[in-house]
């Protein structure tokens, strides 16, 4: 991937971590003012946010591209995929 894409991914990861910090500060502050009955719901929200941010960071660090091609026999599908990948990766199906 190009350096520009990595920079965008790094920026999103930074913002995700910043959001987690903001949430933790908010969670700490709001918990002081809410009745005890709200605590399980707040904990669940915290857990779900942490899980979502973790998944986001994992996907940013390990991006996946799914590419599908269609065409007639010998129309250049594998050649195109190999060109896009920068290496001979796809198997030619005959």
N, C-alpha and C. Protein backbone atom coordinates (compact mmCIF):
# COMPACT_ATOMS: atom_id res chain seq x y z
N UNK A 1 0.84 -1.18 0.00
CA UNK A 1 0.00 0.00 0.00
C UNK A 1 0.88 1.24 0.00
N UNK A 2 0.34 2.30 -0.54
CA UNK A 2 1.11 3.53 -0.61
C UNK A 2 1.23 4.16 0.78
N UNK A 3 2.24 5.03 0.91
CA UNK A 3 2.44 5.71 2.18
C UNK A 3 1.25 6.58 2.54
N UNK A 4 0.58 7.15 1.54
CA UNK A 4 -0.58 7.99 1.81
C UNK A 4 -1.68 7.19 2.49
N UNK A 5 -1.91 5.98 2.02
CA UNK A 5 -2.95 5.13 2.61
C UNK A 5 -2.57 4.79 4.04
N UNK A 6 -1.29 4.44 4.27
CA UNK A 6 -0.85 4.14 5.62
C UNK A 6 -1.03 5.33 6.55
N UNK A 7 -0.77 6.53 6.05
CA UNK A 7 -0.94 7.73 6.86
C UNK A 7 -2.41 7.92 7.25
N UNK A 8 -3.30 7.68 6.30
CA UNK A 8 -4.74 7.78 6.60
C UNK A 8 -5.11 6.75 7.66
N UNK A 9 -4.65 5.51 7.49
CA UNK A 9 -4.95 4.46 8.47
C UNK A 9 -4.40 4.81 9.84
N UNK A 10 -3.18 5.33 9.89
CA UNK A 10 -2.59 5.73 11.17
C UNK A 10 -3.39 6.84 11.83
N UNK A 11 -3.86 7.79 11.03
CA UNK A 11 -4.66 8.89 11.56
C UNK A 11 -5.99 8.38 12.13
N UNK A 12 -6.63 7.46 11.43
CA UNK A 12 -7.89 6.89 11.93
C UNK A 12 -7.62 6.11 13.21
N UNK A 13 -6.52 5.36 13.25
CA UNK A 13 -6.19 4.60 14.46
C UNK A 13 -5.94 5.56 15.63
N UNK A 14 -5.23 6.65 15.37
CA UNK A 14 -4.98 7.65 16.41
C UNK A 14 -6.29 8.22 16.94
N UNK A 15 -7.21 8.54 16.02
CA UNK A 15 -8.50 9.10 16.43
C UNK A 15 -9.35 8.08 17.19
N UNK A 16 -9.23 6.81 16.82
CA UNK A 16 -9.96 5.77 17.54
C UNK A 16 -9.45 5.67 18.98
N UNK A 17 -8.14 5.75 19.15
CA UNK A 17 -7.57 5.70 20.50
C UNK A 17 -7.95 6.94 21.30
N UNK A 18 -8.00 8.08 20.62
CA UNK A 18 -8.43 9.32 21.27
C UNK A 18 -9.88 9.22 21.72
N UNK A 19 -10.73 8.65 20.87
CA UNK A 19 -12.13 8.45 21.22
C UNK A 19 -12.25 7.56 22.46
N UNK A 20 -11.43 6.51 22.52
CA UNK A 20 -11.45 5.62 23.70
C UNK A 20 -11.08 6.38 24.96
N UNK A 21 -10.10 7.26 24.86
CA UNK A 21 -9.71 8.07 26.02
C UNK A 21 -10.82 9.03 26.43
N UNK A 22 -11.43 9.69 25.45
CA UNK A 22 -12.54 10.59 25.74
C UNK A 22 -13.69 9.84 26.42
N UNK A 23 -14.00 8.67 25.88
CA UNK A 23 -15.08 7.88 26.46
C UNK A 23 -14.75 7.49 27.90
N UNK A 24 -13.52 7.07 28.16
CA UNK A 24 -13.14 6.69 29.52
C UNK A 24 -13.29 7.86 30.48
N UNK A 25 -12.88 9.04 30.04
CA UNK A 25 -13.04 10.24 30.89
C UNK A 25 -14.52 10.54 31.13
N UNK A 26 -15.31 10.49 30.06
CA UNK A 26 -16.74 10.74 30.18
C UNK A 26 -17.40 9.69 31.06
N UNK A 27 -17.04 8.42 30.83
CA UNK A 27 -17.59 7.32 31.61
C UNK A 27 -17.31 7.51 33.10
N UNK A 28 -16.09 7.88 33.42
CA UNK A 28 -15.72 8.10 34.82
C UNK A 28 -16.54 9.24 35.43
N UNK A 29 -16.65 10.32 34.68
CA UNK A 29 -17.38 11.50 35.18
C UNK A 29 -18.88 11.22 35.32
N UNK A 30 -19.47 10.65 34.29
CA UNK A 30 -20.93 10.43 34.31
C UNK A 30 -21.31 9.38 35.35
N UNK A 31 -20.45 8.43 35.59
CA UNK A 31 -20.75 7.38 36.56
C UNK A 31 -20.92 7.93 37.97
N UNK A 32 -20.26 9.04 38.24
CA UNK A 32 -20.38 9.66 39.55
C UNK A 32 -21.76 10.27 39.78
N UNK A 33 -22.47 10.57 38.70
CA UNK A 33 -23.74 11.28 38.79
C UNK A 33 -24.96 10.41 38.48
N UNK A 34 -24.72 9.20 38.05
CA UNK A 34 -25.84 8.32 37.71
C UNK A 34 -26.15 7.36 38.84
N UNK A 35 -27.40 6.96 38.96
CA UNK A 35 -27.75 5.96 39.97
C UNK A 35 -27.04 4.63 39.66
N UNK A 36 -26.87 3.85 40.67
CA UNK A 36 -26.19 2.55 40.55
C UNK A 36 -26.87 1.64 39.52
N UNK A 37 -28.16 1.81 39.34
CA UNK A 37 -28.88 0.95 38.40
C UNK A 37 -28.43 1.14 36.95
N UNK A 38 -27.79 2.27 36.64
CA UNK A 38 -27.31 2.52 35.28
C UNK A 38 -25.93 1.91 35.01
N UNK A 39 -25.25 1.50 36.05
CA UNK A 39 -23.87 1.03 35.89
C UNK A 39 -23.72 -0.16 34.94
N UNK A 40 -24.59 -1.18 34.99
CA UNK A 40 -24.44 -2.29 34.03
C UNK A 40 -24.56 -1.84 32.58
N UNK A 41 -25.49 -0.92 32.32
CA UNK A 41 -25.66 -0.42 30.95
C UNK A 41 -24.43 0.37 30.50
N UNK A 42 -23.89 1.19 31.37
CA UNK A 42 -22.69 1.96 31.05
C UNK A 42 -21.51 1.01 30.80
N UNK A 43 -21.41 -0.04 31.61
CA UNK A 43 -20.33 -1.03 31.42
C UNK A 43 -20.48 -1.74 30.09
N UNK A 44 -21.71 -2.06 29.72
CA UNK A 44 -21.95 -2.72 28.43
C UNK A 44 -21.57 -1.78 27.27
N UNK A 45 -21.95 -0.52 27.38
CA UNK A 45 -21.56 0.46 26.36
C UNK A 45 -20.04 0.55 26.25
N UNK A 46 -19.37 0.58 27.37
CA UNK A 46 -17.90 0.63 27.38
C UNK A 46 -17.31 -0.59 26.71
N UNK A 47 -17.84 -1.74 27.05
CA UNK A 47 -17.35 -2.99 26.46
C UNK A 47 -17.57 -3.01 24.95
N UNK A 48 -18.76 -2.61 24.49
CA UNK A 48 -19.07 -2.61 23.07
C UNK A 48 -18.21 -1.62 22.29
N UNK A 49 -17.96 -0.45 22.88
CA UNK A 49 -17.10 0.53 22.23
C UNK A 49 -15.68 0.01 22.14
N UNK A 50 -15.19 -0.56 23.23
CA UNK A 50 -13.83 -1.12 23.23
C UNK A 50 -13.69 -2.22 22.18
N UNK A 51 -14.68 -3.07 22.08
CA UNK A 51 -14.66 -4.16 21.10
C UNK A 51 -14.67 -3.60 19.67
N UNK A 52 -15.53 -2.62 19.41
CA UNK A 52 -15.63 -2.03 18.07
C UNK A 52 -14.33 -1.31 17.69
N UNK A 53 -13.75 -0.58 18.61
CA UNK A 53 -12.50 0.13 18.32
C UNK A 53 -11.35 -0.85 18.11
N UNK A 54 -11.34 -1.91 18.86
CA UNK A 54 -10.32 -2.95 18.70
C UNK A 54 -10.43 -3.59 17.32
N UNK A 55 -11.64 -3.88 16.89
CA UNK A 55 -11.86 -4.47 15.57
C UNK A 55 -11.45 -3.49 14.48
N UNK A 56 -11.77 -2.21 14.65
CA UNK A 56 -11.38 -1.19 13.68
C UNK A 56 -9.87 -1.13 13.54
N UNK A 57 -9.16 -1.07 14.66
CA UNK A 57 -7.70 -1.00 14.62
C UNK A 57 -7.12 -2.25 13.98
N UNK A 58 -7.67 -3.42 14.29
CA UNK A 58 -7.19 -4.66 13.68
C UNK A 58 -7.38 -4.64 12.16
N UNK A 59 -8.54 -4.16 11.72
CA UNK A 59 -8.80 -4.09 10.28
C UNK A 59 -7.93 -3.05 9.59
N UNK A 60 -7.59 -1.98 10.29
CA UNK A 60 -6.68 -0.99 9.72
C UNK A 60 -5.27 -1.54 9.60
N UNK A 61 -4.87 -2.34 10.56
CA UNK A 61 -3.52 -2.92 10.54
C UNK A 61 -3.40 -4.09 9.59
N UNK A 62 -4.51 -4.76 9.31
CA UNK A 62 -4.52 -5.92 8.43
C UNK A 62 -5.65 -5.79 7.40
N UNK A 63 -5.52 -4.81 6.49
CA UNK A 63 -6.60 -4.60 5.52
C UNK A 63 -6.75 -5.77 4.56
N UNK A 64 -7.96 -5.99 4.12
CA UNK A 64 -8.27 -7.06 3.17
C UNK A 64 -8.97 -6.45 1.97
N UNK A 65 -8.55 -6.88 0.81
CA UNK A 65 -9.19 -6.46 -0.43
C UNK A 65 -9.77 -7.69 -1.08
N UNK A 66 -11.05 -7.65 -1.39
CA UNK A 66 -11.70 -8.73 -2.11
C UNK A 66 -11.98 -8.23 -3.52
N UNK A 67 -11.51 -8.99 -4.48
CA UNK A 67 -11.65 -8.60 -5.87
C UNK A 67 -12.28 -9.75 -6.63
N UNK A 68 -13.31 -9.45 -7.38
CA UNK A 68 -13.96 -10.46 -8.21
C UNK A 68 -13.90 -10.01 -9.66
N UNK A 69 -13.64 -10.95 -10.53
CA UNK A 69 -13.61 -10.63 -11.95
C UNK A 69 -14.52 -11.59 -12.70
N UNK A 70 -15.01 -11.12 -13.82
CA UNK A 70 -15.79 -11.98 -14.70
C UNK A 70 -15.32 -11.74 -16.12
N UNK A 71 -15.50 -12.71 -16.94
CA UNK A 71 -15.14 -12.56 -18.34
C UNK A 71 -15.01 -13.91 -19.00
N UNK A 72 -14.87 -13.87 -20.28
CA UNK A 72 -14.74 -15.12 -21.04
C UNK A 72 -13.34 -15.69 -20.89
N UNK A 73 -13.16 -16.90 -21.34
CA UNK A 73 -11.86 -17.57 -21.30
C UNK A 73 -10.82 -16.73 -22.04
N UNK A 74 -9.65 -16.62 -21.41
CA UNK A 74 -8.50 -15.90 -21.99
C UNK A 74 -8.80 -14.42 -22.28
N UNK A 75 -9.65 -13.81 -21.45
CA UNK A 75 -9.95 -12.40 -21.67
C UNK A 75 -9.06 -11.47 -20.83
N UNK A 76 -8.15 -12.06 -20.04
CA UNK A 76 -7.20 -11.25 -19.27
C UNK A 76 -7.53 -11.06 -17.81
N UNK A 77 -8.44 -11.86 -17.27
CA UNK A 77 -8.83 -11.72 -15.86
C UNK A 77 -7.62 -11.91 -14.94
N UNK A 78 -6.92 -13.02 -15.10
CA UNK A 78 -5.76 -13.31 -14.24
C UNK A 78 -4.65 -12.30 -14.46
N UNK A 79 -4.46 -11.87 -15.68
CA UNK A 79 -3.45 -10.86 -15.97
C UNK A 79 -3.76 -9.56 -15.24
N UNK A 80 -5.01 -9.16 -15.26
CA UNK A 80 -5.42 -7.94 -14.56
C UNK A 80 -5.20 -8.07 -13.07
N UNK A 81 -5.62 -9.18 -12.48
CA UNK A 81 -5.46 -9.39 -11.04
C UNK A 81 -3.98 -9.38 -10.68
N UNK A 82 -3.16 -10.08 -11.45
CA UNK A 82 -1.72 -10.12 -11.18
C UNK A 82 -1.10 -8.74 -11.30
N UNK A 83 -1.55 -7.95 -12.28
CA UNK A 83 -1.05 -6.60 -12.44
C UNK A 83 -1.42 -5.74 -11.23
N UNK A 84 -2.65 -5.84 -10.78
CA UNK A 84 -3.10 -5.06 -9.62
C UNK A 84 -2.36 -5.46 -8.34
N UNK A 85 -2.06 -6.72 -8.22
CA UNK A 85 -1.36 -7.22 -7.03
C UNK A 85 0.13 -6.94 -7.08
N UNK A 86 0.66 -6.74 -8.27
CA UNK A 86 2.08 -6.47 -8.40
C UNK A 86 2.92 -7.73 -8.41
N UNK A 87 2.29 -8.87 -8.47
CA UNK A 87 3.01 -10.14 -8.49
C UNK A 87 2.10 -11.19 -9.08
N UNK A 88 2.68 -12.30 -9.46
CA UNK A 88 1.86 -13.38 -9.99
C UNK A 88 1.31 -14.17 -8.80
N UNK A 89 0.10 -13.84 -8.40
CA UNK A 89 -0.50 -14.46 -7.23
C UNK A 89 -1.68 -15.34 -7.57
N UNK A 90 -2.41 -14.97 -8.59
CA UNK A 90 -3.64 -15.73 -8.86
C UNK A 90 -3.34 -16.94 -9.73
N UNK A 91 -4.12 -17.96 -9.53
CA UNK A 91 -3.99 -19.18 -10.30
C UNK A 91 -4.83 -19.03 -11.58
N UNK A 92 -4.26 -19.44 -12.67
CA UNK A 92 -4.99 -19.39 -13.93
C UNK A 92 -5.84 -20.65 -14.03
N UNK A 93 -7.15 -20.45 -14.12
CA UNK A 93 -8.09 -21.57 -14.22
C UNK A 93 -8.35 -21.86 -15.68
N UNK A 94 -8.07 -23.06 -16.10
CA UNK A 94 -8.29 -23.42 -17.51
C UNK A 94 -9.34 -24.49 -17.62
